[in-house]
Amino acid sequence: MPVSKGTITSNDGSVVNYQTEGTGIPMLLCSGQGTSLQWWDSLAPELSRDFMVVRFDYLGTGSSIASPEAVFSTRRFAADAASILDALGLASAHVFGTSMGGKVAQWLALEHPERVDRLVLGCTTTGGPRAPRMAPHVTKQFMLPGVPGIHSRLKLMYTEDFLAGSTPNLSLATGPSDRQAIRGHRLASVEHDTSKMASAIKQPTLILHGTADEVVPAENCEILAQAIPNSTAHVFHGLRHGFFDEEAMATAEQLRQFLG
């Protein structure tokens, strides 16, 4: 499938890298905390059979460059995503965000509602005081450096059966190496809070979650479904935080059914 690449430059001098693949109705993909567009390497080719897939590198990841003055927040990442749609001449797109990308997608729906046709939120949360957070022992696994840390985090993303017989996407367990990006992404995700505003999301919304997710506990799925008026939820039984990668074809089928 032909791939087209480009960049946008923000007012603070940061450069955000993006790429498109496939043709048809646009679908913007927003990845997890501190990750690049490689987050979608399993799912994007499947989706590009039916959609024009747009994905991008967050500041400080992949080929995107954060200026020294860059402010990291899920709200800012949503503004970057809207600017990418501008650069592509796209009035709107379906938006699918997982993990921190689901937080970015919420801001897109709230602050740029005309740009979001339908919304899909995966393994994510509104944040705020009511949102269940990862347990302390899970948090420690995200702090482990090097190869041991990657192996530890892969167990949070995939089931044991998958890891025993398949090749995982290492980008799901590998964050940025730059200190500015590490700190910026961590704060962006932790400080996110749309808990008092999620009820203002008007787009038809599909909420997806793995029932064995320890990174964003599955109770967040129900909280989102209760908060967003025009929403429906689907759970992947026994799957973890990387359900969309482990079961890429099943996830794509859920999206096709919802988006039409």
C-alpha atoms as a PDB file:
ATOM      1  CA  MET A   1       0.000   0.000   0.000  1.00  0.00           C
ATOM      2  CA  PRO A   2       1.529   3.388  -1.027  1.00  0.00           C
ATOM      3  CA  VAL A   3       2.639   5.551   1.895  1.00  0.00           C
ATOM      4  CA  SER A   4       2.741   9.352   1.818  1.00  0.00           C
ATOM      5  CA  LYS A   5       4.787  11.305   4.383  1.00  0.00           C
ATOM      6  CA  GLY A   6       4.867  14.888   5.553  1.00  0.00           C
ATOM      7  CA  THR A   7       5.513  17.248   8.457  1.00  0.00           C
ATOM      8  CA  ILE A   8       3.929  20.268  10.099  1.00  0.00           C
ATOM      9  CA  THR A   9       5.772  22.969  12.043  1.00  0.00           C
ATOM     10  CA  SER A  10       4.065  24.467  15.088  1.00  0.00           C
ATOM     11  CA  ASN A  11       4.346  28.019  16.405  1.00  0.00           C
ATOM     12  CA  ASP A  12       6.982  26.980  18.962  1.00  0.00           C
ATOM     13  CA  GLY A  13       9.197  25.537  16.237  1.00  0.00           C
ATOM     14  CA  SER A  14       8.394  21.878  16.927  1.00  0.00           C
ATOM     15  CA  VAL A  15       8.165  19.592  13.893  1.00  0.00           C
ATOM     16  CA  VAL A  16       5.537  16.835  13.843  1.00  0.00           C
ATOM     17  CA  ASN A  17       5.932  13.932  11.429  1.00  0.00           C
ATOM     18  CA  TYR A  18       2.928  12.145   9.910  1.00  0.00           C
ATOM     19  CA  GLN A  19       2.126   9.626   7.217  1.00  0.00           C
ATOM     20  CA  THR A  20      -0.911   8.351   5.344  1.00  0.00           C
ATOM     21  CA  GLU A  21      -1.662   5.007   3.735  1.00  0.00           C
ATOM     22  CA  GLY A  22      -4.670   3.665   1.892  1.00  0.00           C
ATOM     23  CA  THR A  23      -7.599   5.499   0.306  1.00  0.00           C
ATOM     24  CA  GLY A  24     -11.176   6.194   1.254  1.00  0.00           C
ATOM     25  CA  ILE A  25     -12.749   7.839   4.294  1.00  0.00           C
ATOM     26  CA  PRO A  26      -9.982   9.267   6.534  1.00  0.00           C
ATOM     27  CA  MET A  27      -9.214   7.621   9.879  1.00  0.00           C
ATOM     28  CA  LEU A  28      -6.823   9.386  12.257  1.00  0.00           C
ATOM     29  CA  LEU A  29      -4.953   7.145  14.701  1.00  0.00           C
ATOM     30  CA  CYS A  30      -3.615   8.499  18.016  1.00  0.00           C
ATOM     31  CA  SER A  31      -1.068   6.276  19.780  1.00  0.00           C
ATOM     32  CA  GLY A  32      -0.103   5.709  23.403  1.00  0.00           C
ATOM     33  CA  GLN A  33       2.106   7.645  25.790  1.00  0.00           C
ATOM     34  CA  GLY A  34       5.592   8.413  24.544  1.00  0.00           C
ATOM     35  CA  THR A  35       5.226   6.338  21.383  1.00  0.00           C
ATOM     36  CA  SER A  36       5.615   6.874  17.671  1.00  0.00           C
ATOM     37  CA  LEU A  37       3.382   5.967  14.747  1.00  0.00           C
ATOM     38  CA  GLN A  38       4.941   2.468  14.870  1.00  0.00           C
ATOM     39  CA  TRP A  39       2.414   1.778  17.646  1.00  0.00           C
ATOM     40  CA  TRP A  40       0.011   0.977  14.789  1.00  0.00           C
ATOM     41  CA  ASP A  41       2.232  -1.256  12.658  1.00  0.00           C
ATOM     42  CA  SER A  42      -0.071  -4.291  12.987  1.00  0.00           C
ATOM     43  CA  LEU A  43      -3.435  -2.560  12.722  1.00  0.00           C
ATOM     44  CA  ALA A  44      -2.773   0.211  10.183  1.00  0.00           C
ATOM     45  CA  PRO A  45      -2.183  -2.104   7.180  1.00  0.00           C
ATOM     46  CA  GLU A  46      -5.447  -3.901   7.935  1.00  0.00           C
ATOM     47  CA  LEU A  47      -7.382  -0.627   8.241  1.00  0.00           C
ATOM     48  CA  SER A  48      -5.806   0.851   5.111  1.00  0.00           C
ATOM     49  CA  ARG A  49      -7.715  -1.698   3.043  1.00  0.00           C
ATOM     50  CA  ASP A  50     -10.871   0.332   3.738  1.00  0.00           C
ATOM     51  CA  PHE A  51      -9.743   3.745   4.976  1.00  0.00           C
ATOM     52  CA  MET A  52      -7.210   6.477   4.387  1.00  0.00           C
ATOM     53  CA  VAL A  53      -5.191   5.926   7.556  1.00  0.00           C
ATOM     54  CA  VAL A  54      -3.425   8.946   9.066  1.00  0.00           C
ATOM     55  CA  ARG A  55      -0.922   8.395  11.878  1.00  0.00           C
ATOM     56  CA  PHE A  56       1.761  10.579  13.422  1.00  0.00           C
ATOM     57  CA  ASP A  57       4.723  10.753  15.799  1.00  0.00           C
ATOM     58  CA  TYR A  58       4.119  12.649  19.010  1.00  0.00           C
ATOM     59  CA  LEU A  59       6.638  15.313  19.971  1.00  0.00           C
ATOM     60  CA  GLY A  60       9.941  13.729  20.952  1.00  0.00           C
ATOM     61  CA  THR A  61       9.122  10.362  19.360  1.00  0.00           C
ATOM     62  CA  GLY A  62       9.920   8.837  15.977  1.00  0.00           C
ATOM     63  CA  SER A  63      10.844  11.581  13.510  1.00  0.00           C
ATOM     64  CA  SER A  64       9.059  14.403  15.357  1.00  0.00           C
ATOM     65  CA  ILE A  65      11.212  17.051  17.019  1.00  0.00           C
ATOM     66  CA  ALA A  66      10.179  18.983  20.123  1.00  0.00           C
ATOM     67  CA  SER A  67      11.551  22.495  20.456  1.00  0.00           C
ATOM     68  CA  PRO A  68      13.063  23.428  23.849  1.00  0.00           C
ATOM     69  CA  GLU A  69       9.977  25.582  24.470  1.00  0.00           C
ATOM     70  CA  ALA A  70       7.473  22.821  23.659  1.00  0.00           C
ATOM     71  CA  VAL A  71       4.657  22.259  26.145  1.00  0.00           C
ATOM     72  CA  PHE A  72       3.503  18.644  26.350  1.00  0.00           C
ATOM     73  CA  SER A  73      -0.158  17.923  27.039  1.00  0.00           C
ATOM     74  CA  THR A  74      -2.916  15.760  25.607  1.00  0.00           C
ATOM     75  CA  ARG A  75      -4.676  18.969  24.644  1.00  0.00           C
ATOM     76  CA  ARG A  76      -1.636  20.128  22.675  1.00  0.00           C
ATOM     77  CA  PHE A  77      -1.300  16.754  20.931  1.00  0.00           C
ATOM     78  CA  ALA A  78      -4.945  17.108  19.856  1.00  0.00           C
ATOM     79  CA  ALA A  79      -4.146  20.520  18.379  1.00  0.00           C
ATOM     80  CA  ASP A  80      -1.201  18.973  16.505  1.00  0.00           C
ATOM     81  CA  ALA A  81      -3.539  16.300  15.125  1.00  0.00           C
ATOM     82  CA  ALA A  82      -6.006  18.954  13.933  1.00  0.00           C
ATOM     83  CA  SER A  83      -3.129  20.768  12.198  1.00  0.00           C
ATOM     84  CA  ILE A  84      -2.206  17.533  10.412  1.00  0.00           C
ATOM     85  CA  LEU A  85      -5.769  17.276   9.088  1.00  0.00           C
ATOM     86  CA  ASP A  86      -5.398  20.884   7.896  1.00  0.00           C
ATOM     87  CA  ALA A  87      -2.138  20.048   6.123  1.00  0.00           C
ATOM     88  CA  LEU A  88      -3.838  17.136   4.362  1.00  0.00           C
ATOM     89  CA  GLY A  89      -6.836  19.244   3.370  1.00  0.00           C
ATOM     90  CA  LEU A  90      -9.187  17.017   5.376  1.00  0.00           C
ATOM     91  CA  ALA A  91     -12.245  18.671   6.875  1.00  0.00           C
ATOM     92  CA  SER A  92     -12.837  15.741   9.225  1.00  0.00           C
ATOM     93  CA  ALA A  93     -11.975  12.118   9.957  1.00  0.00           C
ATOM     94  CA  HIS A  94     -12.974   9.187  12.081  1.00  0.00           C
ATOM     95  CA  VAL A  95     -10.645   9.182  15.100  1.00  0.00           C
ATOM     96  CA  PHE A  96      -9.325   6.132  16.963  1.00  0.00           C
ATOM     97  CA  GLY A  97      -7.118   6.654  19.998  1.00  0.00           C
ATOM     98  CA  THR A  98      -5.748   4.062  22.388  1.00  0.00           C
ATOM     99  CA  SER A  99      -4.230   4.558  25.855  1.00  0.00           C
ATOM    100  CA  MET A 100      -2.968   8.168  26.014  1.00  0.00           C
ATOM    101  CA  GLY A 101      -4.136   8.479  22.414  1.00  0.00           C
ATOM    102  CA  GLY A 102      -7.676   8.004  23.676  1.00  0.00           C
ATOM    103  CA  LYS A 103      -7.159  11.042  25.884  1.00  0.00           C
ATOM    104  CA  VAL A 104      -5.907  13.003  22.866  1.00  0.00           C
ATOM    105  CA  ALA A 105      -8.943  11.830  20.895  1.00  0.00           C
ATOM    106  CA  GLN A 106     -11.274  13.078  23.621  1.00  0.00           C
ATOM    107  CA  TRP A 107      -9.793  16.573  23.351  1.00  0.00           C
ATOM    108  CA  LEU A 108     -10.176  16.459  19.579  1.00  0.00           C
ATOM    109  CA  ALA A 109     -13.856  15.613  19.983  1.00  0.00           C
ATOM    110  CA  LEU A 110     -14.346  18.333  22.611  1.00  0.00           C
ATOM    111  CA  GLU A 111     -12.309  21.219  21.198  1.00  0.00           C
ATOM    112  CA  HIS A 112     -12.411  20.420  17.469  1.00  0.00           C
ATOM    113  CA  PRO A 113     -15.813  18.687  17.200  1.00  0.00           C
ATOM    114  CA  GLU A 114     -16.239  19.508  13.509  1.00  0.00           C
ATOM    115  CA  ARG A 115     -13.067  17.509  12.749  1.00  0.00           C
ATOM    116  CA  VAL A 116     -14.320  14.253  14.315  1.00  0.00           C
ATOM    117  CA  ASP A 117     -16.957  12.202  12.475  1.00  0.00           C
ATOM    118  CA  ARG A 118     -17.043   9.156  14.747  1.00  0.00           C
ATOM    119  CA  LEU A 119     -14.898   8.470  17.774  1.00  0.00           C
ATOM    120  CA  VAL A 120     -13.319   5.223  18.959  1.00  0.00           C
ATOM    121  CA  LEU A 121     -11.606   5.095  22.358  1.00  0.00           C
ATOM    122  CA  GLY A 122      -9.481   2.103  23.309  1.00  0.00           C
ATOM    123  CA  CYS A 123      -7.954   1.130  26.689  1.00  0.00           C
ATOM    124  CA  THR A 124      -8.216   4.709  27.916  1.00  0.00           C
ATOM    125  CA  THR A 125      -9.730   6.909  30.600  1.00  0.00           C
ATOM    126  CA  THR A 126     -11.169  10.336  31.329  1.00  0.00           C
ATOM    127  CA  GLY A 127      -8.579  10.808  34.039  1.00  0.00           C
ATOM    128  CA  GLY A 128      -9.601  12.809  37.073  1.00  0.00           C
ATOM    129  CA  PRO A 129     -10.232  11.747  40.676  1.00  0.00           C
ATOM    130  CA  ARG A 130     -12.735   8.973  39.907  1.00  0.00           C
ATOM    131  CA  ALA A 131     -10.666   7.161  37.313  1.00  0.00           C
ATOM    132  CA  PRO A 132      -9.086   3.882  38.507  1.00  0.00           C
ATOM    133  CA  ARG A 133      -5.311   4.027  37.992  1.00  0.00           C
ATOM    134  CA  MET A 134      -2.662   1.365  37.597  1.00  0.00           C
ATOM    135  CA  ALA A 135      -1.482  -0.338  40.765  1.00  0.00           C
ATOM    136  CA  PRO A 136       1.916   0.661  42.240  1.00  0.00           C
ATOM    137  CA  HIS A 137       3.570  -2.596  41.132  1.00  0.00           C
ATOM    138  CA  VAL A 138       2.492  -1.881  37.546  1.00  0.00           C
ATOM    139  CA  THR A 139       3.849   1.649  37.738  1.00  0.00           C
ATOM    140  CA  LYS A 140       7.228   0.245  38.800  1.00  0.00           C
ATOM    141  CA  GLN A 141       7.356  -1.873  35.639  1.00  0.00           C
ATOM    142  CA  PHE A 142       7.171   1.290  33.542  1.00  0.00           C
ATOM    143  CA  MET A 143      10.164   2.685  35.408  1.00  0.00           C
ATOM    144  CA  LEU A 144      12.452  -0.275  34.722  1.00  0.00           C
ATOM    145  CA  PRO A 145      15.231   0.630  32.238  1.00  0.00           C
ATOM    146  CA  GLY A 146      16.698  -1.282  29.305  1.00  0.00           C
ATOM    147  CA  VAL A 147      15.819  -4.727  28.028  1.00  0.00           C
ATOM    148  CA  PRO A 148      14.435  -6.007  31.376  1.00  0.00           C
ATOM    149  CA  GLY A 149      11.995  -3.099  31.386  1.00  0.00           C
ATOM    150  CA  ILE A 150      10.843  -3.833  27.826  1.00  0.00           C
ATOM    151  CA  HIS A 151      10.249  -7.507  28.620  1.00  0.00           C
ATOM    152  CA  SER A 152       8.359  -6.575  31.776  1.00  0.00           C
ATOM    153  CA  ARG A 153       6.119  -4.121  29.948  1.00  0.00           C
ATOM    154  CA  LEU A 154       5.420  -6.530  27.086  1.00  0.00           C
ATOM    155  CA  LYS A 155       3.744  -8.799  29.652  1.00  0.00           C
ATOM    156  CA  LEU A 156       1.376  -5.926  30.429  1.00  0.00           C
ATOM    157  CA  MET A 157       0.546  -5.493  26.750  1.00  0.00           C
ATOM    158  CA  TYR A 158       0.055  -9.083  25.582  1.00  0.00           C
ATOM    159  CA  THR A 159      -1.232 -12.399  26.891  1.00  0.00           C
ATOM    160  CA  GLU A 160       1.257 -15.143  27.733  1.00  0.00           C
ATOM    161  CA  ASP A 161      -0.050 -17.303  24.870  1.00  0.00           C
ATOM    162  CA  PHE A 162       0.600 -14.523  22.357  1.00  0.00           C
ATOM    163  CA  LEU A 163       4.118 -13.863  23.641  1.00  0.00           C
ATOM    164  CA  ALA A 164       4.908 -17.576  23.512  1.00  0.00           C
ATOM    165  CA  GLY A 165       4.050 -17.932  19.827  1.00  0.00           C
ATOM    166  CA  SER A 166       4.074 -14.509  18.139  1.00  0.00           C
ATOM    167  CA  THR A 167       6.334 -11.525  17.627  1.00  0.00           C
ATOM    168  CA  PRO A 168       5.192  -8.498  19.648  1.00  0.00           C
ATOM    169  CA  ASN A 169       5.418  -4.888  18.552  1.00  0.00           C
ATOM    170  CA  LEU A 170       8.296  -3.605  20.700  1.00  0.00           C
ATOM    171  CA  SER A 171       7.173   0.007  20.300  1.00  0.00           C
ATOM    172  CA  LEU A 172       4.275  -0.756  22.660  1.00  0.00           C
ATOM    173  CA  ALA A 173       6.821  -1.226  25.437  1.00  0.00           C
ATOM    174  CA  THR A 174       9.526   1.247  24.388  1.00  0.00           C
ATOM    175  CA  GLY A 175       9.318   4.941  25.217  1.00  0.00           C
ATOM    176  CA  PRO A 176      11.415   7.942  24.168  1.00  0.00           C
ATOM    177  CA  SER A 177      15.038   8.297  25.289  1.00  0.00           C
ATOM    178  CA  ASP A 178      15.078  12.108  25.419  1.00  0.00           C
ATOM    179  CA  ARG A 179      14.585  13.482  28.950  1.00  0.00           C
ATOM    180  CA  GLN A 180      12.306  16.293  27.811  1.00  0.00           C
ATOM    181  CA  ALA A 181      10.041  13.834  26.017  1.00  0.00           C
ATOM    182  CA  ILE A 182      10.042  11.283  28.858  1.00  0.00           C
ATOM    183  CA  ARG A 183       8.981  13.881  31.417  1.00  0.00           C
ATOM    184  CA  GLY A 184       6.632  15.687  29.029  1.00  0.00           C
ATOM    185  CA  HIS A 185       4.716  12.585  28.005  1.00  0.00           C
ATOM    186  CA  ARG A 186       4.445  11.324  31.563  1.00  0.00           C
ATOM    187  CA  LEU A 187       2.999  14.624  32.768  1.00  0.00           C
ATOM    188  CA  ALA A 188       0.699  14.920  29.751  1.00  0.00           C
ATOM    189  CA  SER A 189      -0.875  11.565  30.492  1.00  0.00           C
ATOM    190  CA  VAL A 190      -1.018  11.872  34.290  1.00  0.00           C
ATOM    191  CA  GLU A 191      -2.456  15.392  34.251  1.00  0.00           C
ATOM    192  CA  HIS A 192      -5.149  14.615  31.677  1.00  0.00           C
ATOM    193  CA  ASP A 193      -8.678  15.189  33.009  1.00  0.00           C
ATOM    194  CA  THR A 194     -11.804  15.305  30.886  1.00  0.00           C
ATOM    195  CA  SER A 195     -13.975  13.757  33.604  1.00  0.00           C
ATOM    196  CA  LYS A 196     -16.214  16.832  33.899  1.00  0.00           C
ATOM    197  CA  MET A 197     -16.417  17.375  30.141  1.00  0.00           C
ATOM    198  CA  ALA A 198     -16.825  13.907  28.622  1.00  0.00           C
ATOM    199  CA  SER A 199     -20.614  14.278  28.716  1.00  0.00           C
ATOM    200  CA  ALA A 200     -20.214  17.056  26.112  1.00  0.00           C
ATOM    201  CA  ILE A 201     -18.828  14.618  23.530  1.00  0.00           C
ATOM    202  CA  LYS A 202     -21.607  14.396  20.946  1.00  0.00           C
ATOM    203  CA  GLN A 203     -20.075  12.144  18.306  1.00  0.00           C
ATOM    204  CA  PRO A 204     -21.184   8.505  18.106  1.00  0.00           C
ATOM    205  CA  THR A 205     -18.533   6.748  20.174  1.00  0.00           C
ATOM    206  CA  LEU A 206     -17.280   3.179  20.432  1.00  0.00           C
ATOM    207  CA  ILE A 207     -15.325   2.243  23.566  1.00  0.00           C
ATOM    208  CA  LEU A 208     -13.005  -0.791  23.455  1.00  0.00           C
ATOM    209  CA  HIS A 209     -11.097  -2.399  26.309  1.00  0.00           C
ATOM    210  CA  GLY A 210      -9.357  -5.610  27.315  1.00  0.00           C
ATOM    211  CA  THR A 211     -10.787  -7.124  30.485  1.00  0.00           C
ATOM    212  CA  ALA A 212      -7.299  -8.095  31.773  1.00  0.00           C
ATOM    213  CA  ASP A 213      -5.807  -4.611  31.295  1.00  0.00           C
ATOM    214  CA  GLU A 214      -3.641  -3.616  34.280  1.00  0.00           C
ATOM    215  CA  VAL A 215      -2.247  -0.441  32.707  1.00  0.00           C
ATOM    216  CA  VAL A 216      -5.636   1.246  32.381  1.00  0.00           C
ATOM    217  CA  PRO A 217      -7.963  -0.887  34.528  1.00  0.00           C
ATOM    218  CA  ALA A 218     -11.050  -2.082  32.687  1.00  0.00           C
ATOM    219  CA  GLU A 219     -13.370  -0.216  35.062  1.00  0.00           C
ATOM    220  CA  ASN A 220     -12.467   2.891  33.062  1.00  0.00           C
ATOM    221  CA  CYS A 221     -14.413   1.463  30.129  1.00  0.00           C
ATOM    222  CA  GLU A 222     -17.657   1.571  32.104  1.00  0.00           C
ATOM    223  CA  ILE A 223     -16.941   5.078  33.402  1.00  0.00           C
ATOM    224  CA  LEU A 224     -16.413   6.335  29.840  1.00  0.00           C
ATOM    225  CA  ALA A 225     -19.565   4.595  28.614  1.00  0.00           C
ATOM    226  CA  GLN A 226     -21.601   6.209  31.375  1.00  0.00           C
ATOM    227  CA  ALA A 227     -20.083   9.638  30.742  1.00  0.00           C
ATOM    228  CA  ILE A 228     -20.399   9.844  26.940  1.00  0.00           C
ATOM    229  CA  PRO A 229     -24.086  10.025  25.918  1.00  0.00           C
ATOM    230  CA  ASN A 230     -24.028   8.449  22.446  1.00  0.00           C
ATOM    231  CA  SER A 231     -21.640   5.600  23.186  1.00  0.00           C
ATOM    232  CA  THR A 232     -21.441   1.827  23.142  1.00  0.00           C
ATOM    233  CA  ALA A 233     -18.798  -0.450  24.653  1.00  0.00           C
ATOM    234  CA  HIS A 234     -17.192  -3.713  23.587  1.00  0.00           C
ATOM    235  CA  VAL A 235     -14.699  -5.700  25.675  1.00  0.00           C
ATOM    236  CA  PHE A 236     -12.076  -8.214  24.589  1.00  0.00           C
ATOM    237  CA  HIS A 237     -12.203 -10.945  27.205  1.00  0.00           C
ATOM    238  CA  GLY A 238      -8.853 -11.915  28.689  1.00  0.00           C
ATOM    239  CA  LEU A 239      -6.851  -9.412  26.638  1.00  0.00           C
ATOM    240  CA  ARG A 240      -4.499  -6.796  28.009  1.00  0.00           C
ATOM    241  CA  HIS A 241      -3.477  -3.254  27.190  1.00  0.00           C
ATOM    242  CA  GLY A 242      -2.330  -4.112  23.670  1.00  0.00           C
ATOM    243  CA  PHE A 243      -5.568  -5.848  22.635  1.00  0.00           C
ATOM    244  CA  PHE A 244      -5.667  -3.851  19.376  1.00  0.00           C
ATOM    245  CA  ASP A 245      -2.290  -5.285  18.347  1.00  0.00           C
ATOM    246  CA  GLU A 246      -2.740  -8.834  19.604  1.00  0.00           C
ATOM    247  CA  GLU A 247      -6.156  -9.050  17.944  1.00  0.00           C
ATOM    248  CA  ALA A 248      -5.651  -6.597  15.088  1.00  0.00           C
ATOM    249  CA  MET A 249      -8.108  -8.274  12.716  1.00  0.00           C
ATOM    250  CA  ALA A 250     -10.839  -8.553  15.370  1.00  0.00           C
ATOM    251  CA  THR A 251     -10.280  -4.896  16.300  1.00  0.00           C
ATOM    252  CA  ALA A 252     -10.479  -3.854  12.641  1.00  0.00           C
ATOM    253  CA  GLU A 253     -13.745  -5.760  12.308  1.00  0.00           C
ATOM    254  CA  GLN A 254     -15.204  -3.919  15.303  1.00  0.00           C
ATOM    255  CA  LEU A 255     -14.210  -0.642  13.674  1.00  0.00           C
ATOM    256  CA  ARG A 256     -15.721  -1.592  10.316  1.00  0.00           C
ATOM    257  CA  GLN A 257     -19.005  -2.557  11.943  1.00  0.00           C
ATOM    258  CA  PHE A 258     -19.141   0.700  13.882  1.00  0.00           C
ATOM    259  CA  LEU A 259     -17.948   3.028  11.124  1.00  0.00           C
ATOM    260  CA  GLY A 260     -19.797   1.346   8.300  1.00  0.00           C
END
